[in-house]
């Protein structure tokens, strides 16, 4: 989870992207800023090579390479904005953003592969809580920003570089030494995940409350808050303590997490074999639209709020709010999809998320500053909800064979969506409106984003149709799983507990 927190820093682009628009530096327009955000997104989401690497060399190698690339990318950006501000060619900045984004992609793919192999029948809870911690990264890093780097966004980039390297050096050996599968009651595993999810939800709420009080807290107060949050973030390790069950209920299995885990799948295809399945293309289209529409809001959050406010405004709290909302989406969809697995098939939760994203963009079209908070939070909630169920859904739809490759291929949908909606749509419309208003490279009217929001709302109808079609076509898989579930006992494989 701490490694996922490092990977989630990719969503903190809005915390430091204002550096790129400063006249005495690079003085970029919105298209160029969006292009750098896109480069990071492409690095994370175009992950086919990541899936092949993790499948070939294992998750430990994936974690290690991911932390190195992430740290290197942030370090180069720190040099580019702190010591060589305005001097580094734009193509090199694109490469640096791609590097840290690709590093995040390695960490995410390796984490999800480990989780799916070791938490078979509680995949929703497991992936949801992991992705929630991932989505909470921006809110957590916002607290760190206020405590130590307020007014120094360039130094914040140096911190991100050092953080990913240190966390990797500490926790990758721990994962290597302790990985394995533990067999215990499903009820016990469910209880532990519910406690974990409740703790993450409280942590997220605390981070959001702190952001609302950001103007009234001194630097010393922020440092004390940071210390308290660090202590709270260590509490989940208590769930790994022995004593939850009797020796008869739990036993350690002498197997590494590189072995295949879980029950037999009715339609287990190879990694690249999913490219021959119609269900893949329907799902990919739905994800491209819904995730692209969401990333339009998340990636441009530092520009959306000033546009609706009519002038420059502090966006740190707004960016953090999106992180918290995405965290709750991951927790809710992941946990509830497991709790209601017997009555609601997992694909329908993707449909629900697409509906939420579409309606939220209609809310954003109103141009009301108060509603922009509601609409943006709902978009982030739906976006997080997709990630809360997506990894488990891919496993159930296509099987565990070459799962890292499958996750890497499916992740490309978000990269394609970011290119189409965030860069080509929102970036172009934003700059055109800024030129019309005579405020380029900034734009301080709701009309800078309203056409893009309306387009996303209309496209979301198509995403809902595609997702619903996948849910209908794959219901036979869940009928088979229901039969298998009735024949199995209450045991489940878990890891780390």
Foldseek 3Di string as FASTA:
>chain_A
DLLLLLLLCLLQCLVQLVLCCDPVFNNDFLLLSLLLNLLLLCLQQLCLVLLVCCLVPNLLVLLVQLLQQLLQLLVVQLCCRPVVGRNDDSVVSSVSSSSNSNSSNSSLLSLLLLFCQFFPLLSLLSLLLSLLSNLLSLLLLLLVCLQPPVVNSSVSSNVSSVSSVVVSVPCSVVCVVFAAKKKAFLVLVLVLSVVSLVLSLVLLVVSLVCLVCSVVDDSVRSVVVNVVSVVSVPVSLVSLDPDSDDPVGMDTDPDGSSDGHDDDAPAADALCVCVVPPLLVLLLLLLLLLLLLLCLCSSCQSAQLQQLVQHHDDRSSVNSLLSSLLSVLLNVLSSVCSVCVVPDPSLVLLLVLLLQLLVLLVQLLVSHSVSVSVSSSSSSSSNSNCSSRVLVVQCLQHNSHSSSSNSSVSSVSSSSSNCVQNNPNLSVLLCVVCVVVVNPSGHHHSSSCNVSSNVSSVVSVSSSVSSVVSVVVCVVSSVVVSVVVVVDDRMTMHGSD
